């Protein structure tokens, strides 16, 4: 159960963070302090989810593996938010970067 649940929780955490980082750019007519308040409101559940997943998953995964999940999911979620919230185009180079990221994750998850 932990093998699947922990990465899903970390991915959801990455999704919250990507929205907090980039989502306010879609509403640039709102003031800076509104963007700041909304970002912080999104980050709190992200942080709770991340800490819960990390504490729950430690032992099933190493700290380095969970940190790798967090970083990789953050990159993927930023790409998704950029594409679907901000309407930015993803090109072949970014696709190659995501493929290399997947290869790196496979290496990080390989048990010795």
PDB file of N, CA and C in Angstrom:
ATOM      1  N   UNK A   1       0.820  -1.197   0.000  1.00  0.00           N
ATOM      2  CA  UNK A   1       0.000   0.000   0.000  1.00  0.00           C
ATOM      3  C   UNK A   1       0.866   1.264   0.000  1.00  0.00           C
ATOM      4  N   UNK A   2       1.894   1.286   0.886  1.00  0.00           N
ATOM      5  CA  UNK A   2       2.772   2.454   0.963  1.00  0.00           C
ATOM      6  C   UNK A   2       3.528   2.674  -0.342  1.00  0.00           C
ATOM      7  N   UNK A   3       3.844   1.575  -1.038  1.00  0.00           N
ATOM      8  CA  UNK A   3       4.603   1.698  -2.290  1.00  0.00           C
ATOM      9  C   UNK A   3       3.895   2.583  -3.301  1.00  0.00           C
ATOM     10  N   UNK A   4       2.575   2.605  -3.282  1.00  0.00           N
ATOM     11  CA  UNK A   4       1.794   3.413  -4.221  1.00  0.00           C
ATOM     12  C   UNK A   4       1.301   4.704  -3.570  1.00  0.00           C
ATOM     13  N   UNK A   5       0.841   4.614  -2.342  1.00  0.00           N
ATOM     14  CA  UNK A   5       0.230   5.768  -1.677  1.00  0.00           C
ATOM     15  C   UNK A   5       1.219   6.908  -1.450  1.00  0.00           C
ATOM     16  N   UNK A   6       2.426   6.591  -1.017  1.00  0.00           N
ATOM     17  CA  UNK A   6       3.410   7.639  -0.727  1.00  0.00           C
ATOM     18  C   UNK A   6       3.766   8.440  -1.982  1.00  0.00           C
ATOM     19  N   UNK A   7       4.119   7.784  -3.107  1.00  0.00           N
ATOM     20  CA  UNK A   7       4.386   8.590  -4.312  1.00  0.00           C
ATOM     21  C   UNK A   7       3.171   9.404  -4.768  1.00  0.00           C
ATOM     22  N   UNK A   8       1.964   8.869  -4.626  1.00  0.00           N
ATOM     23  CA  UNK A   8       0.770   9.627  -5.003  1.00  0.00           C
ATOM     24  C   UNK A   8       0.582  10.855  -4.116  1.00  0.00           C
ATOM     25  N   UNK A   9       0.822  10.693  -2.818  1.00  0.00           N
ATOM     26  CA  UNK A   9       0.715  11.824  -1.894  1.00  0.00           C
ATOM     27  C   UNK A   9       1.769  12.878  -2.226  1.00  0.00           C
ATOM     28  N   UNK A  10       2.979  12.430  -2.533  1.00  0.00           N
ATOM     29  CA  UNK A  10       4.046  13.376  -2.871  1.00  0.00           C
ATOM     30  C   UNK A  10       3.736  14.066  -4.193  1.00  0.00           C
ATOM     31  N   UNK A  11       3.173  13.343  -5.153  1.00  0.00           N
ATOM     32  CA  UNK A  11       2.788  13.961  -6.419  1.00  0.00           C
ATOM     33  C   UNK A  11       1.697  15.016  -6.184  1.00  0.00           C
ATOM     34  N   UNK A  12       0.722  14.695  -5.352  1.00  0.00           N
ATOM     35  CA  UNK A  12      -0.341  15.660  -5.037  1.00  0.00           C
ATOM     36  C   UNK A  12       0.252  16.894  -4.357  1.00  0.00           C
ATOM     37  N   UNK A  13       1.218  16.674  -3.491  1.00  0.00           N
ATOM     38  CA  UNK A  13       1.919  17.781  -2.853  1.00  0.00           C
ATOM     39  C   UNK A  13       2.604  18.654  -3.899  1.00  0.00           C
ATOM     40  N   UNK A  14       3.255  18.019  -4.875  1.00  0.00           N
ATOM     41  CA  UNK A  14       3.904  18.757  -5.963  1.00  0.00           C
ATOM     42  C   UNK A  14       2.906  19.547  -6.797  1.00  0.00           C
ATOM     43  N   UNK A  15       1.714  18.991  -6.973  1.00  0.00           N
ATOM     44  CA  UNK A  15       0.679  19.692  -7.733  1.00  0.00           C
ATOM     45  C   UNK A  15       0.238  20.957  -6.995  1.00  0.00           C
ATOM     46  N   UNK A  16       0.026  20.852  -5.680  1.00  0.00           N
ATOM     47  CA  UNK A  16      -0.322  22.029  -4.888  1.00  0.00           C
ATOM     48  C   UNK A  16       0.773  23.089  -5.005  1.00  0.00           C
ATOM     49  N   UNK A  17       2.027  22.654  -4.887  1.00  0.00           N
ATOM     50  CA  UNK A  17       3.134  23.606  -4.920  1.00  0.00           C
ATOM     51  C   UNK A  17       3.236  24.292  -6.279  1.00  0.00           C
ATOM     52  N   UNK A  18       3.067  23.537  -7.357  1.00  0.00           N
ATOM     53  CA  UNK A  18       3.146  24.128  -8.691  1.00  0.00           C
ATOM     54  C   UNK A  18       2.049  25.170  -8.893  1.00  0.00           C
ATOM     55  N   UNK A  19       0.861  24.892  -8.390  1.00  0.00           N
ATOM     56  CA  UNK A  19      -0.230  25.867  -8.489  1.00  0.00           C
ATOM     57  C   UNK A  19       0.099  27.103  -7.644  1.00  0.00           C
ATOM     58  N   UNK A  20       0.674  26.890  -6.461  1.00  0.00           N
ATOM     59  CA  UNK A  20       1.049  28.028  -5.614  1.00  0.00           C
ATOM     60  C   UNK A  20       2.127  28.877  -6.288  1.00  0.00           C
ATOM     61  N   UNK A  21       3.085  28.233  -6.935  1.00  0.00           N
ATOM     62  CA  UNK A  21       4.172  28.955  -7.587  1.00  0.00           C
ATOM     63  C   UNK A  21       3.702  29.714  -8.819  1.00  0.00           C
ATOM     64  N   UNK A  22       2.854  29.075  -9.637  1.00  0.00           N
ATOM     65  CA  UNK A  22       2.557  29.623 -10.956  1.00  0.00           C
ATOM     66  C   UNK A  22       1.105  30.039 -11.186  1.00  0.00           C
ATOM     67  N   UNK A  23       0.190  29.504 -10.430  1.00  0.00           N
ATOM     68  CA  UNK A  23      -1.230  29.742 -10.693  1.00  0.00           C
ATOM     69  C   UNK A  23      -1.617  31.204 -10.644  1.00  0.00           C
ATOM     70  N   UNK A  24      -1.003  31.968  -9.755  1.00  0.00           N
ATOM     71  CA  UNK A  24      -1.366  33.387  -9.643  1.00  0.00           C
ATOM     72  C   UNK A  24      -1.002  34.184 -10.891  1.00  0.00           C
ATOM     73  N   UNK A  25      -0.093  33.666 -11.723  1.00  0.00           N
ATOM     74  CA  UNK A  25       0.291  34.390 -12.941  1.00  0.00           C
ATOM     75  C   UNK A  25      -0.859  34.495 -13.939  1.00  0.00           C
ATOM     76  N   UNK A  26      -1.818  33.601 -13.814  1.00  0.00           N
ATOM     77  CA  UNK A  26      -2.984  33.653 -14.692  1.00  0.00           C
ATOM     78  C   UNK A  26      -3.885  34.840 -14.347  1.00  0.00           C
ATOM     79  N   UNK A  27      -3.786  35.308 -13.131  1.00  0.00           N
ATOM     80  CA  UNK A  27      -4.637  36.400 -12.649  1.00  0.00           C
ATOM     81  C   UNK A  27      -3.771  37.610 -12.288  1.00  0.00           C
ATOM     82  N   UNK A  28      -3.051  38.097 -13.264  1.00  0.00           N
ATOM     83  CA  UNK A  28      -2.106  39.191 -13.022  1.00  0.00           C
ATOM     84  C   UNK A  28      -2.788  40.508 -12.673  1.00  0.00           C
ATOM     85  N   UNK A  29      -4.074  40.618 -12.968  1.00  0.00           N
ATOM     86  CA  UNK A  29      -4.772  41.861 -12.633  1.00  0.00           C
ATOM     87  C   UNK A  29      -4.989  41.993 -11.125  1.00  0.00           C
ATOM     88  N   UNK A  30      -4.902  40.880 -10.417  1.00  0.00           N
ATOM     89  CA  UNK A  30      -5.001  40.920  -8.956  1.00  0.00           C
ATOM     90  C   UNK A  30      -3.704  41.489  -8.405  1.00  0.00           C
ATOM     91  N   UNK A  31      -3.750  42.092  -7.290  1.00  0.00           N
ATOM     92  CA  UNK A  31      -2.573  42.707  -6.693  1.00  0.00           C
ATOM     93  C   UNK A  31      -1.578  41.680  -6.161  1.00  0.00           C
ATOM     94  N   UNK A  32      -0.379  42.166  -5.893  1.00  0.00           N
ATOM     95  CA  UNK A  32       0.691  41.315  -5.375  1.00  0.00           C
ATOM     96  C   UNK A  32       0.293  40.640  -4.068  1.00  0.00           C
ATOM     97  N   UNK A  33      -0.295  41.399  -3.156  1.00  0.00           N
ATOM     98  CA  UNK A  33      -0.610  40.830  -1.843  1.00  0.00           C
ATOM     99  C   UNK A  33      -1.713  39.789  -1.916  1.00  0.00           C
ATOM    100  N   UNK A  34      -2.625  39.924  -2.880  1.00  0.00           N
ATOM    101  CA  UNK A  34      -3.639  38.892  -3.100  1.00  0.00           C
ATOM    102  C   UNK A  34      -2.964  37.614  -3.607  1.00  0.00           C
ATOM    103  N   UNK A  35      -2.033  37.765  -4.545  1.00  0.00           N
ATOM    104  CA  UNK A  35      -1.296  36.605  -5.066  1.00  0.00           C
ATOM    105  C   UNK A  35      -0.506  35.936  -3.946  1.00  0.00           C
ATOM    106  N   UNK A  36       0.117  36.727  -3.119  1.00  0.00           N
ATOM    107  CA  UNK A  36       0.895  36.193  -1.999  1.00  0.00           C
ATOM    108  C   UNK A  36       0.003  35.430  -1.020  1.00  0.00           C
ATOM    109  N   UNK A  37      -1.135  36.008  -0.680  1.00  0.00           N
ATOM    110  CA  UNK A  37      -2.059  35.351   0.248  1.00  0.00           C
ATOM    111  C   UNK A  37      -2.594  34.049  -0.328  1.00  0.00           C
ATOM    112  N   UNK A  38      -2.963  34.050  -1.612  1.00  0.00           N
ATOM    113  CA  UNK A  38      -3.474  32.823  -2.234  1.00  0.00           C
ATOM    114  C   UNK A  38      -2.391  31.755  -2.295  1.00  0.00           C
ATOM    115  N   UNK A  39      -1.185  32.147  -2.623  1.00  0.00           N
ATOM    116  CA  UNK A  39      -0.088  31.182  -2.684  1.00  0.00           C
ATOM    117  C   UNK A  39       0.152  30.549  -1.322  1.00  0.00           C
ATOM    118  N   UNK A  40       0.175  31.349  -0.284  1.00  0.00           N
ATOM    119  CA  UNK A  40       0.388  30.808   1.053  1.00  0.00           C
ATOM    120  C   UNK A  40      -0.781  29.929   1.499  1.00  0.00           C
ATOM    121  N   UNK A  41      -1.984  30.261   1.085  1.00  0.00           N
ATOM    122  CA  UNK A  41      -3.149  29.431   1.427  1.00  0.00           C
ATOM    123  C   UNK A  41      -3.053  28.061   0.757  1.00  0.00           C
ATOM    124  N   UNK A  42      -2.450  28.009  -0.424  1.00  0.00           N
ATOM    125  CA  UNK A  42      -2.282  26.738  -1.139  1.00  0.00           C
ATOM    126  C   UNK A  42      -1.113  25.945  -0.568  1.00  0.00           C
ATOM    127  N   UNK A  43      -0.085  26.640  -0.102  1.00  0.00           N
ATOM    128  CA  UNK A  43       1.124  25.974   0.369  1.00  0.00           C
ATOM    129  C   UNK A  43       0.895  25.224   1.686  1.00  0.00           C
ATOM    130  N   UNK A  44       0.020  25.718   2.539  1.00  0.00           N
ATOM    131  CA  UNK A  44      -0.196  25.043   3.825  1.00  0.00           C
ATOM    132  C   UNK A  44      -0.673  23.603   3.655  1.00  0.00           C
ATOM    133  N   UNK A  45      -1.722  23.332   2.868  1.00  0.00           N
ATOM    134  CA  UNK A  45      -2.102  21.919   2.674  1.00  0.00           C
ATOM    135  C   UNK A  45      -0.994  21.124   1.971  1.00  0.00           C
ATOM    136  N   UNK A  46      -0.248  21.771   1.080  1.00  0.00           N
ATOM    137  CA  UNK A  46       0.871  21.095   0.407  1.00  0.00           C
ATOM    138  C   UNK A  46       1.886  20.623   1.422  1.00  0.00           C
ATOM    139  N   UNK A  47       2.224  21.486   2.356  1.00  0.00           N
ATOM    140  CA  UNK A  47       3.226  21.158   3.358  1.00  0.00           C
ATOM    141  C   UNK A  47       2.739  20.027   4.262  1.00  0.00           C
ATOM    142  N   UNK A  48       1.481  20.086   4.668  1.00  0.00           N
ATOM    143  CA  UNK A  48       0.918  19.023   5.514  1.00  0.00           C
ATOM    144  C   UNK A  48       0.950  17.693   4.773  1.00  0.00           C
ATOM    145  N   UNK A  49       0.563  17.692   3.515  1.00  0.00           N
ATOM    146  CA  UNK A  49       0.573  16.473   2.704  1.00  0.00           C
ATOM    147  C   UNK A  49       1.989  15.931   2.529  1.00  0.00           C
ATOM    148  N   UNK A  50       2.936  16.819   2.279  1.00  0.00           N
ATOM    149  CA  UNK A  50       4.322  16.404   2.074  1.00  0.00           C
ATOM    150  C   UNK A  50       4.921  15.796   3.338  1.00  0.00           C
ATOM    151  N   UNK A  51       4.739  16.457   4.474  1.00  0.00           N
ATOM    152  CA  UNK A  51       5.284  15.942   5.730  1.00  0.00           C
ATOM    153  C   UNK A  51       4.630  14.613   6.089  1.00  0.00           C
ATOM    154  N   UNK A  52       3.325  14.508   5.894  1.00  0.00           N
ATOM    155  CA  UNK A  52       2.621  13.253   6.176  1.00  0.00           C
ATOM    156  C   UNK A  52       3.154  12.124   5.302  1.00  0.00           C
ATOM    157  N   UNK A  53       3.302  12.375   4.018  1.00  0.00           N
ATOM    158  CA  UNK A  53       3.805  11.353   3.097  1.00  0.00           C
ATOM    159  C   UNK A  53       5.225  10.946   3.456  1.00  0.00           C
ATOM    160  N   UNK A  54       6.065  11.909   3.797  1.00  0.00           N
ATOM    161  CA  UNK A  54       7.454  11.613   4.120  1.00  0.00           C
ATOM    162  C   UNK A  54       7.561  10.793   5.398  1.00  0.00           C
ATOM    163  N   UNK A  55       6.813  11.165   6.395  1.00  0.00           N
ATOM    164  CA  UNK A  55       6.865  10.402   7.661  1.00  0.00           C
ATOM    165  C   UNK A  55       6.275   9.004   7.485  1.00  0.00           C
ATOM    166  N   UNK A  56       5.183   8.904   6.738  1.00  0.00           N
ATOM    167  CA  UNK A  56       4.528   7.616   6.501  1.00  0.00           C
ATOM    168  C   UNK A  56       5.406   6.701   5.636  1.00  0.00           C
ATOM    169  N   UNK A  57       6.099   7.275   4.665  1.00  0.00           N
ATOM    170  CA  UNK A  57       6.853   6.465   3.714  1.00  0.00           C
ATOM    171  C   UNK A  57       8.248   6.093   4.133  1.00  0.00           C
ATOM    172  N   UNK A  58       8.788   6.777   5.167  1.00  0.00           N
ATOM    173  CA  UNK A  58      10.165   6.490   5.572  1.00  0.00           C
ATOM    174  C   UNK A  58      10.272   5.071   6.113  1.00  0.00           C
ATOM    175  N   UNK A  59      11.186   4.333   5.576  1.00  0.00           N
ATOM    176  CA  UNK A  59      11.337   2.919   5.906  1.00  0.00           C
ATOM    177  C   UNK A  59      10.973   2.074   4.704  1.00  0.00           C
ATOM    178  N   UNK A  60       9.877   2.437   4.051  1.00  0.00           N
ATOM    179  CA  UNK A  60       9.533   1.807   2.778  1.00  0.00           C
ATOM    180  C   UNK A  60      10.428   2.391   1.696  1.00  0.00           C
ATOM    181  N   UNK A  61      10.612   3.696   1.757  1.00  0.00           N
ATOM    182  CA  UNK A  61      11.520   4.415   0.863  1.00  0.00           C
ATOM    183  C   UNK A  61      12.581   5.096   1.711  1.00  0.00           C
ATOM    184  N   UNK A  62      13.735   5.328   1.134  1.00  0.00           N
ATOM    185  CA  UNK A  62      14.764   6.093   1.825  1.00  0.00           C
ATOM    186  C   UNK A  62      14.421   7.582   1.737  1.00  0.00           C
ATOM    187  N   UNK A  63      15.087   8.356   2.564  1.00  0.00           N
ATOM    188  CA  UNK A  63      14.906   9.803   2.496  1.00  0.00           C
ATOM    189  C   UNK A  63      15.267  10.343   1.119  1.00  0.00           C
ATOM    190  N   UNK A  64      16.353   9.830   0.547  1.00  0.00           N
ATOM    191  CA  UNK A  64      16.783  10.285  -0.782  1.00  0.00           C
ATOM    192  C   UNK A  64      15.752   9.934  -1.848  1.00  0.00           C
ATOM    193  N   UNK A  65      15.150   8.772  -1.742  1.00  0.00           N
ATOM    194  CA  UNK A  65      14.137   8.381  -2.723  1.00  0.00           C
ATOM    195  C   UNK A  65      12.908   9.275  -2.615  1.00  0.00           C
ATOM    196  N   UNK A  66      12.489   9.568  -1.393  1.00  0.00           N
ATOM    197  CA  UNK A  66      11.309  10.421  -1.243  1.00  0.00           C
ATOM    198  C   UNK A  66      11.609  11.856  -1.681  1.00  0.00           C
ATOM    199  N   UNK A  67      12.809  12.336  -1.404  1.00  0.00           N
ATOM    200  CA  UNK A  67      13.182  13.674  -1.878  1.00  0.00           C
ATOM    201  C   UNK A  67      13.201  13.694  -3.404  1.00  0.00           C
ATOM    202  N   UNK A  68      13.653  12.600  -4.013  1.00  0.00           N
ATOM    203  CA  UNK A  68      13.659  12.501  -5.478  1.00  0.00           C
ATOM    204  C   UNK A  68      12.241  12.506  -6.024  1.00  0.00           C
ATOM    205  N   UNK A  69      11.319  11.777  -5.372  1.00  0.00           N
ATOM    206  CA  UNK A  69       9.906  11.817  -5.759  1.00  0.00           C
ATOM    207  C   UNK A  69       9.411  13.264  -5.720  1.00  0.00           C
ATOM    208  N   UNK A  70       9.734  13.949  -4.637  1.00  0.00           N
ATOM    209  CA  UNK A  70       9.243  15.312  -4.463  1.00  0.00           C
ATOM    210  C   UNK A  70       9.783  16.231  -5.564  1.00  0.00           C
ATOM    211  N   UNK A  71      11.081  16.162  -5.823  1.00  0.00           N
ATOM    212  CA  UNK A  71      11.672  17.034  -6.840  1.00  0.00           C
ATOM    213  C   UNK A  71      11.157  16.704  -8.236  1.00  0.00           C
ATOM    214  N   UNK A  72      11.094  15.412  -8.560  1.00  0.00           N
ATOM    215  CA  UNK A  72      10.635  15.010  -9.895  1.00  0.00           C
ATOM    216  C   UNK A  72       9.162  15.361 -10.091  1.00  0.00           C
ATOM    217  N   UNK A  73       8.340  15.109  -9.077  1.00  0.00           N
ATOM    218  CA  UNK A  73       6.921  15.441  -9.224  1.00  0.00           C
ATOM    219  C   UNK A  73       6.739  16.944  -9.326  1.00  0.00           C
ATOM    220  N   UNK A  74       7.584  17.705  -8.637  1.00  0.00           N
ATOM    221  CA  UNK A  74       7.525  19.156  -8.754  1.00  0.00           C
ATOM    222  C   UNK A  74       7.788  19.623 -10.172  1.00  0.00           C
ATOM    223  N   UNK A  75       8.795  19.031 -10.816  1.00  0.00           N
ATOM    224  CA  UNK A  75       9.113  19.397 -12.198  1.00  0.00           C
ATOM    225  C   UNK A  75       7.951  19.039 -13.124  1.00  0.00           C
ATOM    226  N   UNK A  76       7.415  17.840 -12.968  1.00  0.00           N
ATOM    227  CA  UNK A  76       6.301  17.399 -13.814  1.00  0.00           C
ATOM    228  C   UNK A  76       5.081  18.292 -13.586  1.00  0.00           C
ATOM    229  N   UNK A  77       4.782  18.592 -12.339  1.00  0.00           N
ATOM    230  CA  UNK A  77       3.608  19.424 -12.039  1.00  0.00           C
ATOM    231  C   UNK A  77       3.781  20.849 -12.544  1.00  0.00           C
ATOM    232  N   UNK A  78       4.987  21.393 -12.463  1.00  0.00           N
ATOM    233  CA  UNK A  78       5.239  22.728 -13.013  1.00  0.00           C
ATOM    234  C   UNK A  78       4.998  22.716 -14.520  1.00  0.00           C
ATOM    235  N   UNK A  79       5.465  21.661 -15.195  1.00  0.00           N
ATOM    236  CA  UNK A  79       5.233  21.554 -16.639  1.00  0.00           C
ATOM    237  C   UNK A  79       3.736  21.478 -16.941  1.00  0.00           C
ATOM    238  N   UNK A  80       2.996  20.710 -16.144  1.00  0.00           N
ATOM    239  CA  UNK A  80       1.555  20.572 -16.363  1.00  0.00           C
ATOM    240  C   UNK A  80       0.812  21.880 -16.086  1.00  0.00           C
ATOM    241  N   UNK A  81       1.166  22.561 -15.008  1.00  0.00           N
ATOM    242  CA  UNK A  81       0.519  23.838 -14.700  1.00  0.00           C
ATOM    243  C   UNK A  81       0.865  24.867 -15.774  1.00  0.00           C
ATOM    244  N   UNK A  82       2.122  24.877 -16.207  1.00  0.00           N
ATOM    245  CA  UNK A  82       2.515  25.803 -17.279  1.00  0.00           C
ATOM    246  C   UNK A  82       1.682  25.572 -18.525  1.00  0.00           C
ATOM    247  N   UNK A  83       1.456  24.314 -18.842  1.00  0.00           N
ATOM    248  CA  UNK A  83       0.711  23.969 -20.055  1.00  0.00           C
ATOM    249  C   UNK A  83      -0.783  24.240 -19.907  1.00  0.00           C
ATOM    250  N   UNK A  84      -1.388  23.717 -18.841  1.00  0.00           N
ATOM    251  CA  UNK A  84      -2.847  23.718 -18.752  1.00  0.00           C
ATOM    252  C   UNK A  84      -3.434  24.905 -18.005  1.00  0.00           C
ATOM    253  N   UNK A  85      -2.670  25.577 -17.171  1.00  0.00           N
ATOM    254  CA  UNK A  85      -3.183  26.755 -16.477  1.00  0.00           C
ATOM    255  C   UNK A  85      -2.739  28.028 -17.196  1.00  0.00           C
ATOM    256  N   UNK A  86      -1.460  28.061 -17.581  1.00  0.00           N
ATOM    257  CA  UNK A  86      -0.934  29.262 -18.232  1.00  0.00           C
ATOM    258  C   UNK A  86      -1.014  29.203 -19.752  1.00  0.00           C
ATOM    259  N   UNK A  87      -1.326  28.027 -20.299  1.00  0.00           N
ATOM    260  CA  UNK A  87      -1.469  27.896 -21.744  1.00  0.00           C
ATOM    261  C   UNK A  87      -0.156  27.911 -22.499  1.00  0.00           C
ATOM    262  N   UNK A  88       0.948  27.634 -21.811  1.00  0.00           N
ATOM    263  CA  UNK A  88       2.245  27.616 -22.471  1.00  0.00           C
ATOM    264  C   UNK A  88       2.432  26.308 -23.231  1.00  0.00           C
ATOM    265  N   UNK A  89       3.206  26.366 -24.281  1.00  0.00           N
ATOM    266  CA  UNK A  89       3.465  25.197 -25.114  1.00  0.00           C
ATOM    267  C   UNK A  89       4.634  24.397 -24.549  1.00  0.00           C
ATOM    268  N   UNK A  90       4.524  23.086 -24.565  1.00  0.00           N
ATOM    269  CA  UNK A  90       5.643  22.205 -24.217  1.00  0.00           C
ATOM    270  C   UNK A  90       6.257  21.726 -25.522  1.00  0.00           C
ATOM    271  N   UNK A  91       7.564  21.852 -25.636  1.00  0.00           N
ATOM    272  CA  UNK A  91       8.203  21.434 -26.884  1.00  0.00           C
ATOM    273  C   UNK A  91       8.972  20.135 -26.699  1.00  0.00           C
ATOM    274  N   UNK A  92       9.611  19.692 -27.759  1.00  0.00           N
ATOM    275  CA  UNK A  92      10.332  18.422 -27.752  1.00  0.00           C
ATOM    276  C   UNK A  92      11.473  18.382 -26.758  1.00  0.00           C
ATOM    277  N   UNK A  93      12.148  19.514 -26.580  1.00  0.00           N
ATOM    278  CA  UNK A  93      13.252  19.553 -25.625  1.00  0.00           C
ATOM    279  C   UNK A  93      12.760  19.321 -24.201  1.00  0.00           C
ATOM    280  N   UNK A  94      11.630  19.918 -23.886  1.00  0.00           N
ATOM    281  CA  UNK A  94      11.065  19.705 -22.559  1.00  0.00           C
ATOM    282  C   UNK A  94      10.609  18.258 -22.390  1.00  0.00           C
ATOM    283  N   UNK A  95      10.066  17.687 -23.458  1.00  0.00           N
ATOM    284  CA  UNK A  95       9.693  16.273 -23.421  1.00  0.00           C
ATOM    285  C   UNK A  95      10.902  15.393 -23.187  1.00  0.00           C
ATOM    286  N   UNK A  96      12.008  15.701 -23.849  1.00  0.00           N
ATOM    287  CA  UNK A  96      13.245  14.951 -23.634  1.00  0.00           C
ATOM    288  C   UNK A  96      13.714  15.118 -22.194  1.00  0.00           C
ATOM    289  N   UNK A  97      13.626  16.331 -21.674  1.00  0.00           N
ATOM    290  CA  UNK A  97      14.002  16.565 -20.284  1.00  0.00           C
ATOM    291  C   UNK A  97      13.169  15.731 -19.324  1.00  0.00           C
ATOM    292  N   UNK A  98      11.862  15.632 -19.581  1.00  0.00           N
ATOM    293  CA  UNK A  98      10.994  14.806 -18.727  1.00  0.00           C
ATOM    294  C   UNK A  98      11.338  13.325 -18.853  1.00  0.00           C
ATOM    295  N   UNK A  99      11.710  12.884 -20.063  1.00  0.00           N
ATOM    296  CA  UNK A  99      12.129  11.494 -20.257  1.00  0.00           C
ATOM    297  C   UNK A  99      13.419  11.208 -19.487  1.00  0.00           C
ATOM    298  N   UNK A 100      14.358  12.136 -19.516  1.00  0.00           N
ATOM    299  CA  UNK A 100      15.604  11.962 -18.751  1.00  0.00           C
ATOM    300  C   UNK A 100      15.331  11.979 -17.251  1.00  0.00           C
ATOM    301  N   UNK A 101      14.388  12.797 -16.839  1.00  0.00           N
ATOM    302  CA  UNK A 101      13.982  12.822 -15.439  1.00  0.00           C
ATOM    303  C   UNK A 101      13.411  11.467 -15.025  1.00  0.00           C
ATOM    304  N   UNK A 102      12.597  10.874 -15.891  1.00  0.00           N
ATOM    305  CA  UNK A 102      12.038   9.541 -15.613  1.00  0.00           C
ATOM    306  C   UNK A 102      13.155   8.504 -15.502  1.00  0.00           C
ATOM    307  N   UNK A 103      14.142   8.593 -16.378  1.00  0.00           N
ATOM    308  CA  UNK A 103      15.280   7.662 -16.304  1.00  0.00           C
ATOM    309  C   UNK A 103      16.033   7.851 -14.993  1.00  0.00           C
ATOM    310  N   UNK A 104      16.223   9.103 -14.591  1.00  0.00           N
ATOM    311  CA  UNK A 104      16.884   9.374 -13.319  1.00  0.00           C
ATOM    312  C   UNK A 104      16.111   8.813 -12.139  1.00  0.00           C
ATOM    313  N   UNK A 105      14.791   8.920 -12.193  1.00  0.00           N
ATOM    314  CA  UNK A 105      13.967   8.357 -11.112  1.00  0.00           C
ATOM    315  C   UNK A 105      14.083   6.841 -11.061  1.00  0.00           C
ATOM    316  N   UNK A 106      14.147   6.212 -12.215  1.00  0.00           N
ATOM    317  CA  UNK A 106      14.315   4.754 -12.228  1.00  0.00           C
ATOM    318  C   UNK A 106      15.624   4.366 -11.535  1.00  0.00           C
ATOM    319  N   UNK A 107      16.673   5.136 -11.788  1.00  0.00           N
ATOM    320  CA  UNK A 107      17.957   4.859 -11.130  1.00  0.00           C
ATOM    321  C   UNK A 107      17.874   5.105  -9.628  1.00  0.00           C
ATOM    322  N   UNK A 108      17.167   6.145  -9.224  1.00  0.00           N
ATOM    323  CA  UNK A 108      17.047   6.437  -7.790  1.00  0.00           C
ATOM    324  C   UNK A 108      16.231   5.378  -7.057  1.00  0.00           C
ATOM    325  N   UNK A 109      15.279   4.766  -7.747  1.00  0.00           N
ATOM    326  CA  UNK A 109      14.404   3.791  -7.106  1.00  0.00           C
ATOM    327  C   UNK A 109      14.947   2.377  -7.127  1.00  0.00           C
ATOM    328  N   UNK A 110      15.993   2.165  -7.901  1.00  0.00           N
ATOM    329  CA  UNK A 110      16.569   0.815  -7.996  1.00  0.00           C
ATOM    330  C   UNK A 110      17.131   0.413  -6.636  1.00  0.00           C
ATOM    331  N   UNK A 111      16.686  -0.711  -6.190  1.00  0.00           N
ATOM    332  CA  UNK A 111      17.155  -1.237  -4.893  1.00  0.00           C
ATOM    333  C   UNK A 111      18.503  -1.919  -5.094  1.00  0.00           C
ATOM    334  N   UNK A 112      19.398  -1.692  -4.149  1.00  0.00           N
ATOM    335  CA  UNK A 112      20.740  -2.305  -4.258  1.00  0.00           C
ATOM    336  C   UNK A 112      20.810  -3.604  -3.515  1.00  0.00           C
TER     337      UNK A 112
END
